[in-house]
Amino acid sequence: MRKEYDFSIEVVILMVFGVFMLVFGFLLFKIHTGDLPYAPDSTYGLFLVIVSFQIITMGKTPFGDFRRSWALIIIGICAAIIGMVACFVPGYLSWLVRMLVGIILFAGGIALLVQLLASKEKAKTWIKVPGILQQLTIACGIVYVITLISGLITMFPGITTDPQTALILIIYGISFFYLSWCIHKVSRVYPEEQDDLLLSKLNSDSSKSKLFAFFHETSLHLTPAILLLLGVLLALLGVLLFPVNLGLIPFSPDGQLGLLLVIIAIQMMALGSTPVGQYNRSWLLILVGIVFAALGIFSCIVPGLLTDVLRIFLGILNILGGVILLIKQFLPKLYEIKKPSSQLDEVPPIAKKLSFTQTLLNFVAIVFGLTMLLPYLIPGLIMAGILVINGILLFLLASILQKITMIGISGG
């Protein structure tokens, strides 16, 4: 259980899609009978946010792989914002998000299936190699066919009954797990030199005109990309809470809590990053991440049942995480103070900025956790401002980590 597993972000997101479809499928039986409520806005909104993760972190879209440029990243952020608004504010984007998800699934399924069958580098080559590449071909084909079928069902709900849709979703979820396993095995059998590939892309792009740099391959790395998306979420949440507190628009706490939990789950499984510190990506941590994702997805689909439980849980998690990380951050510094000044190493400016930003974020996390446990501790408008500041700090942290990563790659 303690062995570290190097699941790529692609494998992690496919696993989250698998959990999403399985949970949705099983819940749909109860939703159909009226035993459970249903929140379609946050369900479709969460799907769009997960899709945006693929776009922002890998350049993979529902219609195929593209160069991960800033133009594509901004498209992913826009998709995430639409999904987040649907999660947070029910009733305003219902038709839009349903049709958007339906078009993405139907058109994307067709596009991916055509690319799989027509490309000489995919099915035509994979099917000739016995073993995992043949299985990958089958897994891709199953997922793409069910994807276009799901798109039709989403755009035209009356073409199937709810139990039939639920069964399709369950098969869809299982196929996502099968595809994620195939991709993980392929990455182990046919490893790629990622660092060399990144450097070659950076060198080739640097020689091109800066006028079109917006459309060139970007060097945005995984951790800053996830922080960027989390920053958008918290800043947008803070902005929306202003009209919510003034009584101008409705608000869905279940969509908010569920979305936060799913993002935490992706961070855990992809990076080993948890609210209480960094850990090896063992099977235990992967399983905990899957449970977190399932709880978050449940909260988005079925409102009202887990609201208080998740609010208390996330509140405690934020407080513990803030306190533990502050202790880990300042205990070594207290030890260094006792050293003679000649033994103290000079701290680079970027490291000072990183430490200061992390300190502020940890304090904000504690405040955020307290407001979850004690909702009336801080006025709603002030809490909205704190969330906006939290989002801005995450943007700053993403920028600092990106600079540090690039310094490490360039050997500076």
Protein backbone atom coordinates (compact mmCIF):
# COMPACT_ATOMS: atom_id res chain seq x y z
CA MET A 1 0.00 0.00 0.00
CA ARG A 2 2.97 2.35 0.54
CA LYS A 3 4.49 1.78 -2.89
CA GLU A 4 4.34 4.96 -4.99
CA TYR A 5 2.34 4.82 -8.24
CA ASP A 6 3.18 7.19 -11.06
CA PHE A 7 -0.29 7.68 -12.51
CA SER A 8 -0.24 10.42 -15.12
CA ILE A 9 -2.74 13.28 -15.03
CA GLU A 10 -4.45 11.69 -18.07
CA VAL A 11 -4.98 8.42 -16.20
CA VAL A 12 -6.21 10.27 -13.10
CA ILE A 13 -8.77 12.33 -15.02
CA LEU A 14 -10.03 9.23 -16.84
CA MET A 15 -10.45 7.54 -13.45
CA VAL A 16 -12.43 10.56 -12.20
CA PHE A 17 -14.62 10.37 -15.32
CA GLY A 18 -15.12 6.68 -14.53
CA VAL A 19 -16.18 7.47 -10.96
CA PHE A 20 -18.49 10.23 -12.26
CA MET A 21 -20.29 7.91 -14.69
CA LEU A 22 -20.57 5.02 -12.21
CA VAL A 23 -21.93 7.21 -9.40
CA PHE A 24 -24.32 8.98 -11.77
CA GLY A 25 -25.49 5.67 -13.22
CA PHE A 26 -26.26 4.03 -9.88
CA LEU A 27 -27.91 7.18 -8.49
CA LEU A 28 -30.09 7.56 -11.59
CA PHE A 29 -32.09 4.45 -10.63
CA LYS A 30 -33.12 6.14 -7.36
CA ILE A 31 -33.58 9.53 -9.03
CA HIS A 32 -35.96 7.90 -11.54
CA THR A 33 -38.16 6.49 -8.75
CA GLY A 34 -38.22 9.83 -6.94
CA ASP A 35 -36.30 8.55 -3.91
CA LEU A 36 -33.49 11.06 -4.47
CA PRO A 37 -33.47 14.69 -5.63
CA TYR A 38 -31.47 15.67 -8.71
CA ALA A 39 -29.45 18.80 -9.59
CA PRO A 40 -28.84 18.71 -13.37
CA ASP A 41 -27.06 22.09 -13.45
CA SER A 42 -24.26 21.11 -11.08
CA THR A 43 -24.06 17.63 -12.66
CA TYR A 44 -23.38 19.04 -16.13
CA GLY A 45 -21.29 21.85 -14.64
CA LEU A 46 -19.01 19.39 -12.88
CA PHE A 47 -18.57 17.47 -16.13
CA LEU A 48 -17.45 20.67 -17.89
CA VAL A 49 -14.94 21.41 -15.13
CA ILE A 50 -13.42 17.92 -15.43
CA VAL A 51 -13.19 18.39 -19.21
CA SER A 52 -11.42 21.71 -18.62
CA PHE A 53 -8.83 19.87 -16.49
CA GLN A 54 -7.92 17.80 -19.54
CA ILE A 55 -7.66 20.86 -21.74
CA ILE A 56 -5.60 22.98 -19.34
CA THR A 57 -3.21 20.32 -18.08
CA MET A 58 -2.65 18.27 -21.25
CA GLY A 59 -4.06 20.03 -24.30
CA LYS A 60 -6.48 17.13 -24.74
CA THR A 61 -9.94 18.21 -25.83
CA PRO A 62 -13.12 16.19 -26.39
CA PHE A 63 -12.38 16.54 -30.12
CA GLY A 64 -8.76 15.38 -30.09
CA ASP A 65 -5.27 16.44 -29.04
CA PHE A 66 -4.09 19.96 -29.81
CA ARG A 67 -1.00 22.05 -29.11
CA ARG A 68 -1.37 23.22 -25.49
CA SER A 69 -1.10 26.93 -26.20
CA TRP A 70 -2.31 29.82 -24.08
CA ALA A 71 -5.19 30.18 -26.52
CA LEU A 72 -6.29 26.61 -25.75
CA ILE A 73 -5.75 27.10 -22.01
CA ILE A 74 -8.01 30.16 -22.07
CA ILE A 75 -10.68 28.11 -23.86
CA GLY A 76 -10.35 25.53 -21.07
CA ILE A 77 -10.66 28.24 -18.41
CA CYS A 78 -13.80 29.59 -20.12
CA ALA A 79 -15.31 26.08 -20.12
CA ALA A 80 -14.41 25.76 -16.43
CA ILE A 81 -16.06 29.11 -15.61
CA ILE A 82 -19.30 28.07 -17.34
CA GLY A 83 -19.23 24.79 -15.42
CA MET A 84 -18.48 26.50 -12.12
CA VAL A 85 -21.29 29.04 -12.56
CA ALA A 86 -23.68 26.15 -13.29
CA CYS A 87 -22.50 24.42 -10.09
CA PHE A 88 -22.76 27.53 -7.92
CA VAL A 89 -25.85 29.27 -9.34
CA PRO A 90 -28.68 26.86 -10.29
CA GLY A 91 -31.38 27.69 -12.80
CA TYR A 92 -29.65 30.23 -15.03
CA LEU A 93 -27.58 28.05 -17.38
CA SER A 94 -29.65 24.84 -17.37
CA TRP A 95 -30.36 24.60 -21.10
CA LEU A 96 -26.94 25.95 -22.10
CA VAL A 97 -24.86 23.48 -20.06
CA ARG A 98 -27.02 20.51 -21.04
CA MET A 99 -26.74 21.27 -24.74
CA LEU A 100 -23.04 22.13 -24.43
CA VAL A 101 -22.32 18.81 -22.73
CA GLY A 102 -24.47 16.97 -25.27
CA ILE A 103 -22.67 18.55 -28.24
CA ILE A 104 -19.26 17.91 -26.67
CA LEU A 105 -20.11 14.24 -26.12
CA PHE A 106 -21.77 13.60 -29.50
CA ALA A 107 -19.42 15.59 -31.75
CA GLY A 108 -16.39 14.63 -29.67
CA GLY A 109 -17.25 10.94 -29.78
CA ILE A 110 -17.55 11.04 -33.57
CA ALA A 111 -14.35 13.05 -34.00
CA LEU A 112 -12.31 10.78 -31.72
CA LEU A 113 -13.70 7.62 -33.34
CA VAL A 114 -12.86 8.88 -36.84
CA GLN A 115 -9.33 9.84 -35.72
CA LEU A 116 -8.86 6.42 -34.09
CA LEU A 117 -9.88 4.51 -37.20
CA ALA A 118 -8.39 6.81 -39.85
CA SER A 119 -5.00 7.66 -38.33
CA LYS A 120 -2.10 5.44 -39.37
CA GLU A 121 -0.49 6.07 -35.97
CA LYS A 122 -3.45 4.75 -33.99
CA ALA A 123 -5.79 1.81 -34.55
CA LYS A 124 -4.23 0.72 -37.87
CA THR A 125 -0.86 0.34 -36.13
CA TRP A 126 -1.97 -0.63 -32.61
CA ILE A 127 -4.19 -3.51 -33.72
CA LYS A 128 -1.19 -5.23 -35.35
CA VAL A 129 0.78 -5.33 -32.08
CA PRO A 130 -0.37 -8.15 -29.78
CA GLY A 131 -0.93 -7.28 -26.13
CA ILE A 132 -1.70 -3.96 -24.51
CA LEU A 133 -1.88 -1.91 -27.75
CA GLN A 134 -4.68 -4.14 -29.05
CA GLN A 135 -6.49 -3.71 -25.75
CA LEU A 136 -5.98 0.06 -25.98
CA THR A 137 -7.63 0.05 -29.41
CA ILE A 138 -10.64 -1.83 -28.04
CA ALA A 139 -10.88 0.41 -24.95
CA CYS A 140 -10.75 3.60 -27.04
CA GLY A 141 -13.36 2.27 -29.46
CA ILE A 142 -15.78 1.36 -26.65
CA VAL A 143 -15.37 4.72 -24.90
CA TYR A 144 -15.80 6.75 -28.10
CA VAL A 145 -18.93 4.86 -29.22
CA ILE A 146 -20.59 5.21 -25.81
CA THR A 147 -19.52 8.87 -25.74
CA LEU A 148 -21.45 9.73 -28.91
CA ILE A 149 -24.46 7.70 -27.68
CA SER A 150 -24.35 9.62 -24.37
CA GLY A 151 -24.26 12.87 -26.32
CA LEU A 152 -27.46 11.97 -28.17
CA ILE A 153 -29.15 11.00 -24.89
CA THR A 154 -28.06 14.28 -23.27
CA MET A 155 -29.36 16.43 -26.14
CA PHE A 156 -32.57 14.38 -26.57
CA PRO A 157 -33.37 12.85 -23.14
CA GLY A 158 -36.59 11.20 -24.32
CA ILE A 159 -34.90 8.69 -26.65
CA THR A 160 -34.14 6.35 -23.71
CA THR A 161 -35.70 5.65 -20.34
CA ASP A 162 -33.89 6.56 -17.13
CA PRO A 163 -33.05 2.91 -16.27
CA GLN A 164 -31.61 2.40 -19.76
CA THR A 165 -29.56 5.60 -19.42
CA ALA A 166 -28.36 4.47 -15.99
CA LEU A 167 -27.17 1.14 -17.43
CA ILE A 168 -25.33 2.93 -20.26
CA LEU A 169 -23.65 5.24 -17.72
CA ILE A 170 -22.48 2.29 -15.62
CA ILE A 171 -20.97 0.58 -18.71
CA TYR A 172 -19.46 3.97 -19.64
CA GLY A 173 -17.83 4.27 -16.21
CA ILE A 174 -16.36 0.77 -16.40
CA SER A 175 -14.99 1.51 -19.88
CA PHE A 176 -13.25 4.66 -18.56
CA PHE A 177 -11.48 2.59 -15.91
CA TYR A 178 -10.49 0.04 -18.56
CA LEU A 179 -9.12 2.81 -20.80
CA SER A 180 -7.20 4.41 -17.92
CA TRP A 181 -5.61 1.04 -17.09
CA CYS A 182 -4.63 0.51 -20.74
CA ILE A 183 -3.05 3.97 -21.01
CA HIS A 184 -1.13 3.44 -17.76
CA LYS A 185 0.21 0.09 -19.00
CA VAL A 186 1.17 1.59 -22.37
CA SER A 187 3.06 4.40 -20.64
CA ARG A 188 5.04 1.80 -18.69
CA VAL A 189 5.82 -0.35 -21.73
CA TYR A 190 6.54 2.58 -24.07
CA PRO A 191 7.93 5.39 -21.85
CA GLU A 192 8.60 8.83 -23.32
CA GLU A 193 11.39 11.24 -22.48
CA GLN A 194 9.17 14.06 -21.24
CA ASP A 195 11.91 16.48 -20.17
CA ASP A 196 13.75 16.24 -23.50
CA LEU A 197 10.46 16.67 -25.33
CA LEU A 198 9.61 19.77 -23.30
CA LEU A 199 13.02 21.35 -23.87
CA SER A 200 12.84 20.75 -27.61
CA LYS A 201 9.42 22.38 -27.75
CA LEU A 202 10.61 25.37 -25.76
CA ASN A 203 13.65 25.80 -27.98
CA SER A 204 11.61 25.54 -31.17
CA ASP A 205 8.99 27.99 -29.93
CA SER A 206 11.56 30.51 -28.75
CA SER A 207 12.88 30.85 -32.29
CA LYS A 208 9.46 31.76 -33.64
CA SER A 209 7.91 35.21 -33.85
CA LYS A 210 6.57 36.47 -30.54
CA LEU A 211 3.58 37.79 -32.44
CA PHE A 212 2.11 34.26 -32.56
CA ALA A 213 3.47 33.12 -29.17
CA PHE A 214 -0.12 33.02 -27.91
CA PHE A 215 -0.70 29.95 -30.13
CA HIS A 216 2.63 28.19 -29.45
CA GLU A 217 3.14 25.25 -27.11
CA THR A 218 3.18 26.59 -23.54
CA SER A 219 5.51 25.41 -20.80
CA LEU A 220 2.82 25.56 -18.10
CA HIS A 221 3.47 22.62 -15.77
CA LEU A 222 1.01 20.40 -13.94
CA THR A 223 1.06 21.92 -10.45
CA PRO A 224 0.75 25.55 -11.65
CA ALA A 225 -2.00 24.48 -14.07
CA ILE A 226 -4.07 22.91 -11.29
CA LEU A 227 -3.43 25.91 -9.02
CA LEU A 228 -4.55 28.19 -11.84
CA LEU A 229 -7.84 26.34 -12.13
CA LEU A 230 -8.32 26.31 -8.35
CA GLY A 231 -7.59 30.04 -8.26
CA VAL A 232 -10.27 30.64 -10.91
CA LEU A 233 -12.72 28.59 -8.84
CA LEU A 234 -12.15 30.47 -5.57
CA ALA A 235 -11.99 33.92 -7.18
CA LEU A 236 -15.20 33.24 -9.13
CA LEU A 237 -16.86 31.85 -6.00
CA GLY A 238 -15.91 34.99 -4.10
CA VAL A 239 -17.25 37.28 -6.85
CA LEU A 240 -20.55 35.36 -7.02
CA LEU A 241 -20.99 35.48 -3.23
CA PHE A 242 -21.39 39.27 -3.36
CA PRO A 243 -24.77 39.13 -5.21
CA VAL A 244 -25.65 35.92 -3.31
CA ASN A 245 -25.27 37.69 0.05
CA LEU A 246 -27.33 40.60 -1.26
CA GLY A 247 -30.12 38.16 -2.16
CA LEU A 248 -29.89 38.82 -5.89
CA ILE A 249 -29.14 35.27 -7.10
CA PRO A 250 -29.58 31.73 -5.68
CA PHE A 251 -26.65 29.63 -4.54
CA SER A 252 -25.96 25.88 -4.36
CA PRO A 253 -23.69 24.94 -1.43
CA ASP A 254 -23.78 21.31 -2.60
CA GLY A 255 -22.32 22.25 -5.98
CA GLN A 256 -19.63 24.34 -4.28
CA LEU A 257 -18.62 21.65 -1.78
CA GLY A 258 -18.78 18.86 -4.35
CA LEU A 259 -16.63 20.73 -6.86
CA LEU A 260 -14.01 21.59 -4.23
CA LEU A 261 -13.85 17.96 -3.14
CA VAL A 262 -13.38 16.68 -6.71
CA ILE A 263 -10.53 19.14 -7.31
CA ILE A 264 -8.88 18.06 -4.05
CA ALA A 265 -9.25 14.43 -5.20
CA ILE A 266 -7.54 15.17 -8.54
CA GLN A 267 -4.67 16.92 -6.72
CA MET A 268 -4.25 13.93 -4.42
CA MET A 269 -4.19 11.33 -7.17
CA ALA A 270 -2.15 13.33 -9.70
CA LEU A 271 0.36 15.05 -7.40
CA GLY A 272 0.14 13.42 -3.96
CA SER A 273 -0.86 16.88 -2.71
CA THR A 274 -3.41 16.84 0.11
CA PRO A 275 -4.80 19.68 2.25
CA VAL A 276 -2.57 18.48 5.11
CA GLY A 277 0.69 18.06 3.17
CA GLN A 278 2.52 16.21 0.43
CA TYR A 279 2.57 12.38 0.43
CA ASN A 280 3.66 9.52 -1.80
CA ARG A 281 0.96 8.42 -4.22
CA SER A 282 0.36 5.02 -2.66
CA TRP A 283 -2.66 2.86 -3.36
CA LEU A 284 -4.10 4.08 -0.07
CA LEU A 285 -3.87 7.70 -1.18
CA ILE A 286 -5.31 6.82 -4.61
CA LEU A 287 -8.25 5.05 -2.94
CA VAL A 288 -8.83 8.01 -0.62
CA GLY A 289 -8.79 10.27 -3.68
CA ILE A 290 -11.39 8.08 -5.41
CA VAL A 291 -13.59 8.22 -2.30
CA PHE A 292 -13.24 12.03 -2.19
CA ALA A 293 -14.16 12.23 -5.88
CA ALA A 294 -17.19 9.98 -5.36
CA LEU A 295 -18.42 12.09 -2.42
CA GLY A 296 -17.97 15.30 -4.38
CA ILE A 297 -19.76 13.88 -7.43
CA PHE A 298 -22.60 12.61 -5.21
CA SER A 299 -22.96 16.09 -3.69
CA CYS A 300 -23.20 17.73 -7.13
CA ILE A 301 -25.76 15.23 -8.45
CA VAL A 302 -27.91 14.82 -5.32
CA PRO A 303 -28.33 18.07 -3.36
CA GLY A 304 -29.13 18.32 0.33
CA LEU A 305 -28.03 14.93 1.66
CA LEU A 306 -24.32 15.52 2.31
CA THR A 307 -24.31 19.31 2.70
CA ASP A 308 -23.64 19.53 6.45
CA VAL A 309 -21.32 16.50 6.51
CA LEU A 310 -19.12 17.84 3.72
CA ARG A 311 -19.16 21.38 5.10
CA ILE A 312 -17.88 20.18 8.49
CA PHE A 313 -15.42 17.78 6.87
CA LEU A 314 -13.93 20.42 4.55
CA GLY A 315 -13.90 22.94 7.38
CA ILE A 316 -11.85 20.64 9.62
CA LEU A 317 -9.62 19.67 6.69
CA ASN A 318 -8.85 23.32 5.87
CA ILE A 319 -8.11 24.21 9.50
CA LEU A 320 -5.89 21.16 10.08
CA GLY A 321 -4.14 21.69 6.77
CA GLY A 322 -3.44 25.36 7.46
CA VAL A 323 -2.13 24.69 10.97
CA ILE A 324 0.00 21.67 10.00
CA LEU A 325 1.54 23.43 7.01
CA LEU A 326 2.31 26.54 9.08
CA ILE A 327 4.05 24.36 11.68
CA LYS A 328 6.04 22.55 8.99
CA GLN A 329 6.96 25.89 7.45
CA PHE A 330 8.11 27.73 10.58
CA LEU A 331 9.67 25.00 12.75
CA PRO A 332 12.80 24.68 10.54
CA LYS A 333 13.11 28.49 10.54
CA LEU A 334 13.07 28.59 14.34
CA TYR A 335 15.92 26.08 14.35
CA GLU A 336 17.88 28.16 11.82
CA ILE A 337 17.58 31.28 14.00
CA LYS A 338 19.62 29.54 16.69
CA LYS A 339 22.50 29.01 14.25
CA PRO A 340 25.36 31.49 14.08
CA SER A 341 24.76 34.07 11.32
CA SER A 342 27.76 32.72 9.39
CA GLN A 343 26.01 29.34 9.04
CA LEU A 344 22.81 30.80 7.58
CA ASP A 345 22.51 30.47 3.83
CA GLU A 346 21.23 33.41 1.87
CA VAL A 347 17.63 32.80 0.77
CA PRO A 348 16.90 33.61 -2.91
CA PRO A 349 14.23 36.31 -3.44
CA ILE A 350 11.89 33.91 -5.26
CA ALA A 351 12.06 31.52 -2.28
CA LYS A 352 11.14 34.37 0.07
CA LYS A 353 8.18 35.26 -2.14
CA LEU A 354 7.12 31.59 -2.23
CA SER A 355 7.31 31.28 1.56
CA PHE A 356 5.35 34.51 2.10
CA THR A 357 2.62 33.46 -0.36
CA GLN A 358 2.29 30.01 1.22
CA THR A 359 2.03 31.59 4.67
CA LEU A 360 -0.82 33.85 3.57
CA LEU A 361 -2.59 30.94 1.89
CA ASN A 362 -2.33 28.83 5.03
CA PHE A 363 -3.85 31.60 7.15
CA VAL A 364 -6.64 32.08 4.61
CA ALA A 365 -7.28 28.30 4.62
CA ILE A 366 -7.73 28.42 8.42
CA VAL A 367 -10.16 31.33 8.14
CA PHE A 368 -12.05 29.55 5.34
CA GLY A 369 -12.27 26.39 7.45
CA LEU A 370 -13.57 28.34 10.46
CA THR A 371 -16.31 29.95 8.38
CA MET A 372 -17.40 26.51 7.20
CA LEU A 373 -17.70 25.28 10.77
CA LEU A 374 -19.16 28.58 12.04
CA PRO A 375 -20.99 30.14 9.08
CA TYR A 376 -21.94 33.29 10.98
CA LEU A 377 -18.46 33.96 12.34
CA ILE A 378 -17.60 36.35 9.48
CA PRO A 379 -20.11 38.44 7.49
CA GLY A 380 -20.83 37.00 4.04
CA LEU A 381 -19.53 40.02 2.12
CA ILE A 382 -16.21 39.90 3.99
CA MET A 383 -15.94 36.16 3.32
CA ALA A 384 -16.55 36.83 -0.37
CA GLY A 385 -13.64 39.28 -0.37
CA ILE A 386 -11.42 36.74 1.41
CA LEU A 387 -12.19 34.13 -1.28
CA VAL A 388 -11.27 36.58 -4.04
CA ILE A 389 -7.97 37.28 -2.24
CA ASN A 390 -7.45 33.52 -1.90
CA GLY A 391 -7.90 33.10 -5.65
CA ILE A 392 -5.42 35.90 -6.38
CA LEU A 393 -2.88 34.32 -4.01
CA LEU A 394 -3.26 31.01 -5.84
CA PHE A 395 -2.57 32.77 -9.15
CA LEU A 396 0.57 34.25 -7.57
CA LEU A 397 1.63 30.86 -6.19
CA ALA A 398 1.13 29.24 -9.61
CA SER A 399 3.30 31.94 -11.20
CA ILE A 400 6.08 31.47 -8.63
CA LEU A 401 6.08 27.67 -8.96
CA GLN A 402 6.11 27.95 -12.75
CA LYS A 403 9.22 30.19 -12.56
CA ILE A 404 10.94 27.80 -10.14
CA THR A 405 10.14 24.83 -12.38
CA MET A 406 11.49 26.56 -15.46
CA ILE A 407 14.69 27.51 -13.58
CA GLY A 408 15.12 23.84 -12.63
CA ILE A 409 14.58 22.62 -16.21
CA SER A 410 16.96 25.17 -17.72
CA GLY A 411 19.59 24.35 -15.07
CA GLY A 412 19.63 27.94 -13.79
